[in-house]
PDB file of all heavy atoms in Angstrom:
ATOM      1  N   SER A   1      -9.726  -6.803 -12.859  1.00  0.00           N
ATOM      2  CA  SER A   1      -9.150  -7.886 -13.668  1.00  0.00           C
ATOM      3  C   SER A   1      -7.633  -7.790 -13.760  1.00  0.00           C
ATOM      4  O   SER A   1      -6.956  -8.810 -13.876  1.00  0.00           O
ATOM      5  CB  SER A   1      -9.743  -7.856 -15.085  1.00  0.00           C
ATOM      6  OG  SER A   1     -11.128  -8.109 -15.039  1.00  0.00           O
ATOM      7  N   CYS A   2      -7.107  -6.588 -13.712  1.00  0.00           N
ATOM      8  CA  CYS A   2      -5.673  -6.369 -13.905  1.00  0.00           C
ATOM      9  C   CYS A   2      -4.940  -6.078 -12.594  1.00  0.00           C
ATOM     10  O   CYS A   2      -3.754  -5.737 -12.593  1.00  0.00           O
ATOM     11  CB  CYS A   2      -5.446  -5.209 -14.874  1.00  0.00           C
ATOM     12  SG  CYS A   2      -6.226  -5.464 -16.483  1.00  0.00           S
ATOM     13  N   ARG A   3      -5.616  -6.235 -11.470  1.00  0.00           N
ATOM     14  CA  ARG A   3      -5.053  -5.859 -10.164  1.00  0.00           C
ATOM     15  C   ARG A   3      -3.711  -6.535  -9.887  1.00  0.00           C
ATOM     16  O   ARG A   3      -2.784  -5.895  -9.406  1.00  0.00           O
ATOM     17  CB  ARG A   3      -6.036  -6.183  -9.050  1.00  0.00           C
ATOM     18  CG  ARG A   3      -5.504  -5.793  -7.678  1.00  0.00           C
ATOM     19  CD  ARG A   3      -6.583  -5.209  -6.818  1.00  0.00           C
ATOM     20  NE  ARG A   3      -6.152  -5.026  -5.457  1.00  0.00           N
ATOM     21  CZ  ARG A   3      -5.432  -4.006  -5.029  1.00  0.00           C
ATOM     22  NH1 ARG A   3      -5.051  -3.079  -5.863  1.00  0.00           N
ATOM     23  NH2 ARG A   3      -5.084  -3.899  -3.768  1.00  0.00           N
ATOM     24  N   SER A   4      -3.587  -7.819 -10.194  1.00  0.00           N
ATOM     25  CA  SER A   4      -2.318  -8.499  -9.903  1.00  0.00           C
ATOM     26  C   SER A   4      -1.175  -7.881 -10.704  1.00  0.00           C
ATOM     27  O   SER A   4      -0.054  -7.752 -10.196  1.00  0.00           O
ATOM     28  CB  SER A   4      -2.427 -10.003 -10.173  1.00  0.00           C
ATOM     29  OG  SER A   4      -2.657 -10.246 -11.540  1.00  0.00           O
ATOM     30  N   LEU A   5      -1.440  -7.467 -11.936  1.00  0.00           N
ATOM     31  CA  LEU A   5      -0.404  -6.794 -12.730  1.00  0.00           C
ATOM     32  C   LEU A   5      -0.107  -5.408 -12.169  1.00  0.00           C
ATOM     33  O   LEU A   5       1.035  -4.954 -12.185  1.00  0.00           O
ATOM     34  CB  LEU A   5      -0.844  -6.678 -14.194  1.00  0.00           C
ATOM     35  CG  LEU A   5      -0.908  -7.986 -14.976  1.00  0.00           C
ATOM     36  CD1 LEU A   5      -1.565  -7.770 -16.333  1.00  0.00           C
ATOM     37  CD2 LEU A   5       0.477  -8.581 -15.132  1.00  0.00           C
ATOM     38  N   GLY A   6      -1.144  -4.736 -11.663  1.00  0.00           N
ATOM     39  CA  GLY A   6      -0.948  -3.424 -11.046  1.00  0.00           C
ATOM     40  C   GLY A   6      -0.073  -3.516  -9.816  1.00  0.00           C
ATOM     41  O   GLY A   6       0.800  -2.683  -9.592  1.00  0.00           O
ATOM     42  N   ILE A   7      -0.299  -4.536  -9.012  1.00  0.00           N
ATOM     43  CA  ILE A   7       0.518  -4.728  -7.806  1.00  0.00           C
ATOM     44  C   ILE A   7       1.946  -5.112  -8.202  1.00  0.00           C
ATOM     45  O   ILE A   7       2.910  -4.567  -7.665  1.00  0.00           O
ATOM     46  CB  ILE A   7      -0.114  -5.776  -6.881  1.00  0.00           C
ATOM     47  CG1 ILE A   7      -1.402  -5.202  -6.269  1.00  0.00           C
ATOM     48  CG2 ILE A   7       0.861  -6.201  -5.781  1.00  0.00           C
ATOM     49  CD1 ILE A   7      -2.232  -6.207  -5.498  1.00  0.00           C
ATOM     50  N   ALA A   8       2.091  -6.011  -9.160  1.00  0.00           N
ATOM     51  CA  ALA A   8       3.426  -6.449  -9.599  1.00  0.00           C
ATOM     52  C   ALA A   8       4.241  -5.284 -10.171  1.00  0.00           C
ATOM     53  O   ALA A   8       5.458  -5.234 -10.009  1.00  0.00           O
ATOM     54  CB  ALA A   8       3.304  -7.563 -10.636  1.00  0.00           C
ATOM     55  N   SER A   9       3.554  -4.325 -10.801  1.00  0.00           N
ATOM     56  CA  SER A   9       4.258  -3.195 -11.413  1.00  0.00           C
ATOM     57  C   SER A   9       4.548  -2.083 -10.416  1.00  0.00           C
ATOM     58  O   SER A   9       5.293  -1.161 -10.713  1.00  0.00           O
ATOM     59  CB  SER A   9       3.422  -2.618 -12.557  1.00  0.00           C
ATOM     60  OG  SER A   9       2.270  -1.962 -12.052  1.00  0.00           O
ATOM     61  N   GLY A  10       3.940  -2.152  -9.238  1.00  0.00           N
ATOM     62  CA  GLY A  10       4.088  -1.075  -8.274  1.00  0.00           C
ATOM     63  C   GLY A  10       3.070   0.027  -8.467  1.00  0.00           C
ATOM     64  O   GLY A  10       3.041   1.006  -7.732  1.00  0.00           O
ATOM     65  N   PHE A  11       2.206  -0.108  -9.467  1.00  0.00           N
ATOM     66  CA  PHE A  11       1.179   0.894  -9.740  1.00  0.00           C
ATOM     67  C   PHE A  11       0.113   0.870  -8.660  1.00  0.00           C
ATOM     68  O   PHE A  11      -0.343   1.900  -8.200  1.00  0.00           O
ATOM     69  CB  PHE A  11       0.562   0.627 -11.110  1.00  0.00           C
ATOM     70  CG  PHE A  11      -0.371   1.697 -11.584  1.00  0.00           C
ATOM     71  CD1 PHE A  11       0.111   2.946 -11.951  1.00  0.00           C
ATOM     72  CD2 PHE A  11      -1.721   1.468 -11.680  1.00  0.00           C
ATOM     73  CE1 PHE A  11      -0.748   3.931 -12.403  1.00  0.00           C
ATOM     74  CE2 PHE A  11      -2.585   2.441 -12.135  1.00  0.00           C
ATOM     75  CZ  PHE A  11      -2.091   3.678 -12.496  1.00  0.00           C
ATOM     76  N   ASP A  12      -0.286  -0.299  -8.252  1.00  0.00           N
ATOM     77  CA  ASP A  12      -1.234  -0.493  -7.155  1.00  0.00           C
ATOM     78  C   ASP A  12      -0.468  -1.104  -5.988  1.00  0.00           C
ATOM     79  O   ASP A  12       0.592  -1.685  -6.171  1.00  0.00           O
ATOM     80  CB  ASP A  12      -2.350  -1.465  -7.551  1.00  0.00           C
ATOM     81  CG  ASP A  12      -3.386  -0.833  -8.464  1.00  0.00           C
ATOM     82  OD1 ASP A  12      -3.531   0.401  -8.448  1.00  0.00           O
ATOM     83  OD2 ASP A  12      -4.057  -1.581  -9.191  1.00  0.00           O
ATOM     84  N   HIS A  13      -1.033  -0.988  -4.820  1.00  0.00           N
ATOM     85  CA  HIS A  13      -0.435  -1.600  -3.637  1.00  0.00           C
ATOM     86  C   HIS A  13      -1.433  -2.542  -2.997  1.00  0.00           C
ATOM     87  O   HIS A  13      -2.639  -2.314  -3.051  1.00  0.00           O
ATOM     88  CB  HIS A  13      -0.004  -0.541  -2.617  1.00  0.00           C
ATOM     89  CG  HIS A  13       1.090   0.349  -3.112  1.00  0.00           C
ATOM     90  ND1 HIS A  13       2.353  -0.118  -3.388  1.00  0.00           N
ATOM     91  CD2 HIS A  13       1.113   1.656  -3.406  1.00  0.00           C
ATOM     92  CE1 HIS A  13       3.107   0.868  -3.817  1.00  0.00           C
ATOM     93  NE2 HIS A  13       2.377   1.956  -3.841  1.00  0.00           N
ATOM     94  N   SER A  14      -0.928  -3.575  -2.387  1.00  0.00           N
ATOM     95  CA  SER A  14      -1.806  -4.513  -1.697  1.00  0.00           C
ATOM     96  C   SER A  14      -2.417  -3.835  -0.473  1.00  0.00           C
ATOM     97  O   SER A  14      -1.886  -2.857   0.053  1.00  0.00           O
ATOM     98  CB  SER A  14      -1.018  -5.750  -1.256  1.00  0.00           C
ATOM     99  OG  SER A  14      -0.114  -5.394  -0.221  1.00  0.00           O
ATOM    100  N   THR A  15      -3.534  -4.364  -0.028  1.00  0.00           N
ATOM    101  CA  THR A  15      -4.203  -3.820   1.150  1.00  0.00           C
ATOM    102  C   THR A  15      -3.277  -3.842   2.363  1.00  0.00           C
ATOM    103  O   THR A  15      -3.219  -2.878   3.124  1.00  0.00           O
ATOM    104  CB  THR A  15      -5.491  -4.618   1.438  1.00  0.00           C
ATOM    105  OG1 THR A  15      -6.315  -4.555   0.272  1.00  0.00           O
ATOM    106  CG2 THR A  15      -6.241  -4.053   2.617  1.00  0.00           C
ATOM    107  N   GLY A  16      -2.525  -4.917   2.540  1.00  0.00           N
ATOM    108  CA  GLY A  16      -1.595  -5.019   3.669  1.00  0.00           C
ATOM    109  C   GLY A  16      -0.539  -3.931   3.626  1.00  0.00           C
ATOM    110  O   GLY A  16      -0.208  -3.329   4.653  1.00  0.00           O
ATOM    111  N   TYR A  17      -0.006  -3.660   2.461  1.00  0.00           N
ATOM    112  CA  TYR A  17       0.995  -2.607   2.312  1.00  0.00           C
ATOM    113  C   TYR A  17       0.397  -1.255   2.707  1.00  0.00           C
ATOM    114  O   TYR A  17       1.010  -0.474   3.431  1.00  0.00           O
ATOM    115  CB  TYR A  17       1.515  -2.544   0.870  1.00  0.00           C
ATOM    116  CG  TYR A  17       2.404  -1.354   0.622  1.00  0.00           C
ATOM    117  CD1 TYR A  17       3.769  -1.428   0.855  1.00  0.00           C
ATOM    118  CD2 TYR A  17       1.874  -0.149   0.176  1.00  0.00           C
ATOM    119  CE1 TYR A  17       4.588  -0.324   0.646  1.00  0.00           C
ATOM    120  CE2 TYR A  17       2.680   0.954  -0.026  1.00  0.00           C
ATOM    121  CZ  TYR A  17       4.033   0.856   0.203  1.00  0.00           C
ATOM    122  OH  TYR A  17       4.838   1.951   0.000  1.00  0.00           O
ATOM    123  N   LEU A  18      -0.809  -0.983   2.217  1.00  0.00           N
ATOM    124  CA  LEU A  18      -1.441   0.303   2.506  1.00  0.00           C
ATOM    125  C   LEU A  18      -1.727   0.471   3.987  1.00  0.00           C
ATOM    126  O   LEU A  18      -1.501   1.536   4.555  1.00  0.00           O
ATOM    127  CB  LEU A  18      -2.730   0.440   1.692  1.00  0.00           C
ATOM    128  CG  LEU A  18      -2.510   0.541   0.184  1.00  0.00           C
ATOM    129  CD1 LEU A  18      -3.833   0.475  -0.543  1.00  0.00           C
ATOM    130  CD2 LEU A  18      -1.744   1.782  -0.178  1.00  0.00           C
ATOM    131  N   GLN A  19      -2.189  -0.584   4.638  1.00  0.00           N
ATOM    132  CA  GLN A  19      -2.455  -0.503   6.073  1.00  0.00           C
ATOM    133  C   GLN A  19      -1.166  -0.218   6.843  1.00  0.00           C
ATOM    134  O   GLN A  19      -1.150   0.598   7.758  1.00  0.00           O
ATOM    135  CB  GLN A  19      -3.116  -1.788   6.569  1.00  0.00           C
ATOM    136  CG  GLN A  19      -4.531  -1.939   6.075  1.00  0.00           C
ATOM    137  CD  GLN A  19      -5.115  -3.307   6.381  1.00  0.00           C
ATOM    138  OE1 GLN A  19      -4.401  -4.258   6.682  1.00  0.00           O
ATOM    139  NE2 GLN A  19      -6.436  -3.409   6.294  1.00  0.00           N
ATOM    140  N   LYS A  20      -0.099  -0.893   6.473  1.00  0.00           N
ATOM    141  CA  LYS A  20       1.192  -0.666   7.132  1.00  0.00           C
ATOM    142  C   LYS A  20       1.651   0.773   6.913  1.00  0.00           C
ATOM    143  O   LYS A  20       2.121   1.437   7.840  1.00  0.00           O
ATOM    144  CB  LYS A  20       2.233  -1.649   6.585  1.00  0.00           C
ATOM    145  CG  LYS A  20       3.617  -1.440   7.174  1.00  0.00           C
ATOM    146  CD  LYS A  20       4.620  -2.402   6.577  1.00  0.00           C
ATOM    147  CE  LYS A  20       6.024  -2.084   7.078  1.00  0.00           C
ATOM    148  NZ  LYS A  20       7.030  -2.864   6.394  1.00  0.00           N
ATOM    149  N   HIS A  21       1.494   1.258   5.698  1.00  0.00           N
ATOM    150  CA  HIS A  21       1.923   2.615   5.388  1.00  0.00           C
ATOM    151  C   HIS A  21       1.121   3.647   6.188  1.00  0.00           C
ATOM    152  O   HIS A  21       1.689   4.615   6.706  1.00  0.00           O
ATOM    153  CB  HIS A  21       1.803   2.889   3.891  1.00  0.00           C
ATOM    154  CG  HIS A  21       2.190   4.279   3.526  1.00  0.00           C
ATOM    155  ND1 HIS A  21       3.478   4.741   3.634  1.00  0.00           N
ATOM    156  CD2 HIS A  21       1.453   5.321   3.114  1.00  0.00           C
ATOM    157  CE1 HIS A  21       3.519   6.004   3.273  1.00  0.00           C
ATOM    158  NE2 HIS A  21       2.297   6.380   2.958  1.00  0.00           N
ATOM    159  N   VAL A  22      -0.185   3.470   6.299  1.00  0.00           N
ATOM    160  CA  VAL A  22      -1.005   4.406   7.075  1.00  0.00           C
ATOM    161  C   VAL A  22      -0.553   4.411   8.531  1.00  0.00           C
ATOM    162  O   VAL A  22      -0.438   5.471   9.152  1.00  0.00           O
ATOM    163  CB  VAL A  22      -2.509   4.083   6.938  1.00  0.00           C
ATOM    164  CG1 VAL A  22      -3.340   4.874   7.943  1.00  0.00           C
ATOM    165  CG2 VAL A  22      -2.989   4.377   5.518  1.00  0.00           C
ATOM    166  N   GLN A  23      -0.254   3.239   9.075  1.00  0.00           N
ATOM    167  CA  GLN A  23       0.234   3.171  10.461  1.00  0.00           C
ATOM    168  C   GLN A  23       1.565   3.913  10.616  1.00  0.00           C
ATOM    169  O   GLN A  23       1.802   4.594  11.613  1.00  0.00           O
ATOM    170  CB  GLN A  23       0.373   1.715  10.920  1.00  0.00           C
ATOM    171  CG  GLN A  23      -0.957   1.015  11.111  1.00  0.00           C
ATOM    172  CD  GLN A  23      -1.843   1.743  12.109  1.00  0.00           C
ATOM    173  OE1 GLN A  23      -1.422   2.102  13.197  1.00  0.00           O
ATOM    174  NE2 GLN A  23      -3.087   1.977  11.724  1.00  0.00           N
ATOM    175  N   GLN A  24       2.437   3.798   9.620  1.00  0.00           N
ATOM    176  CA  GLN A  24       3.712   4.516   9.660  1.00  0.00           C
ATOM    177  C   GLN A  24       3.479   6.027   9.597  1.00  0.00           C
ATOM    178  O   GLN A  24       4.138   6.796  10.297  1.00  0.00           O
ATOM    179  CB  GLN A  24       4.610   4.077   8.510  1.00  0.00           C
ATOM    180  CG  GLN A  24       5.140   2.666   8.663  1.00  0.00           C
ATOM    181  CD  GLN A  24       5.855   2.179   7.417  1.00  0.00           C
ATOM    182  OE1 GLN A  24       5.534   2.557   6.290  1.00  0.00           O
ATOM    183  NE2 GLN A  24       6.840   1.319   7.633  1.00  0.00           N
ATOM    184  N   GLU A  25       2.533   6.464   8.765  1.00  0.00           N
ATOM    185  CA  GLU A  25       2.222   7.886   8.668  1.00  0.00           C
ATOM    186  C   GLU A  25       1.653   8.418   9.979  1.00  0.00           C
ATOM    187  O   GLU A  25       1.956   9.535  10.387  1.00  0.00           O
ATOM    188  CB  GLU A  25       1.245   8.147   7.525  1.00  0.00           C
ATOM    189  CG  GLU A  25       1.879   8.040   6.168  1.00  0.00           C
ATOM    190  CD  GLU A  25       0.910   8.375   5.050  1.00  0.00           C
ATOM    191  OE1 GLU A  25      -0.316   8.379   5.282  1.00  0.00           O
ATOM    192  OE2 GLU A  25       1.385   8.637   3.947  1.00  0.00           O
ATOM    193  N   ILE A  26       0.812   7.626  10.643  1.00  0.00           N
ATOM    194  CA  ILE A  26       0.251   8.028  11.937  1.00  0.00           C
ATOM    195  C   ILE A  26       1.375   8.205  12.953  1.00  0.00           C
ATOM    196  O   ILE A  26       1.443   9.220  13.655  1.00  0.00           O
ATOM    197  CB  ILE A  26      -0.800   7.013  12.433  1.00  0.00           C
ATOM    198  CG1 ILE A  26      -2.057   7.095  11.567  1.00  0.00           C
ATOM    199  CG2 ILE A  26      -1.140   7.255  13.908  1.00  0.00           C
ATOM    200  CD1 ILE A  26      -3.054   5.972  11.813  1.00  0.00           C
ATOM    201  N   ALA A  27       2.281   7.227  13.024  1.00  0.00           N
ATOM    202  CA  ALA A  27       3.403   7.307  13.963  1.00  0.00           C
ATOM    203  C   ALA A  27       4.264   8.532  13.668  1.00  0.00           C
ATOM    204  O   ALA A  27       4.699   9.242  14.583  1.00  0.00           O
ATOM    205  CB  ALA A  27       4.240   6.030  13.906  1.00  0.00           C
ATOM    206  N   GLN A  28       4.497   8.791  12.399  1.00  0.00           N
ATOM    207  CA  GLN A  28       5.314   9.935  12.026  1.00  0.00           C
ATOM    208  C   GLN A  28       4.618  11.248  12.397  1.00  0.00           C
ATOM    209  O   GLN A  28       5.248  12.161  12.949  1.00  0.00           O
ATOM    210  CB  GLN A  28       5.604   9.899  10.529  1.00  0.00           C
ATOM    211  CG  GLN A  28       6.553  10.981  10.064  1.00  0.00           C
ATOM    212  CD  GLN A  28       6.840  10.873   8.593  1.00  0.00           C
ATOM    213  OE1 GLN A  28       5.979  10.471   7.815  1.00  0.00           O
ATOM    214  NE2 GLN A  28       8.052  11.221   8.209  1.00  0.00           N
ATOM    215  N   SER A  29       3.321  11.358  12.139  1.00  0.00           N
ATOM    216  CA  SER A  29       2.576  12.573  12.487  1.00  0.00           C
ATOM    217  C   SER A  29       2.586  12.803  13.997  1.00  0.00           C
ATOM    218  O   SER A  29       2.757  13.930  14.466  1.00  0.00           O
ATOM    219  CB  SER A  29       1.135  12.484  11.981  1.00  0.00           C
ATOM    220  OG  SER A  29       1.095  12.562  10.579  1.00  0.00           O
ATOM    221  N   GLU A  30       2.411  11.738  14.772  1.00  0.00           N
ATOM    222  CA  GLU A  30       2.430  11.867  16.232  1.00  0.00           C
ATOM    223  C   GLU A  30       3.812  12.310  16.723  1.00  0.00           C
ATOM    224  O   GLU A  30       3.927  13.127  17.634  1.00  0.00           O
ATOM    225  CB  GLU A  30       2.001  10.560  16.888  1.00  0.00           C
ATOM    226  CG  GLU A  30       0.515  10.294  16.696  1.00  0.00           C
ATOM    227  CD  GLU A  30       0.061   8.927  17.193  1.00  0.00           C
ATOM    228  OE1 GLU A  30       0.912   8.031  17.418  1.00  0.00           O
ATOM    229  OE2 GLU A  30      -1.169   8.753  17.339  1.00  0.00           O
TER     230      GLU A  30
END
């Protein structure tokens, strides 16, 4: 119910943000 507020506050991240971040972590690890 509060997800939009969590994303707006930076407490939660959108699915797109998380996917991008995981890809960046993979590239960095490689």
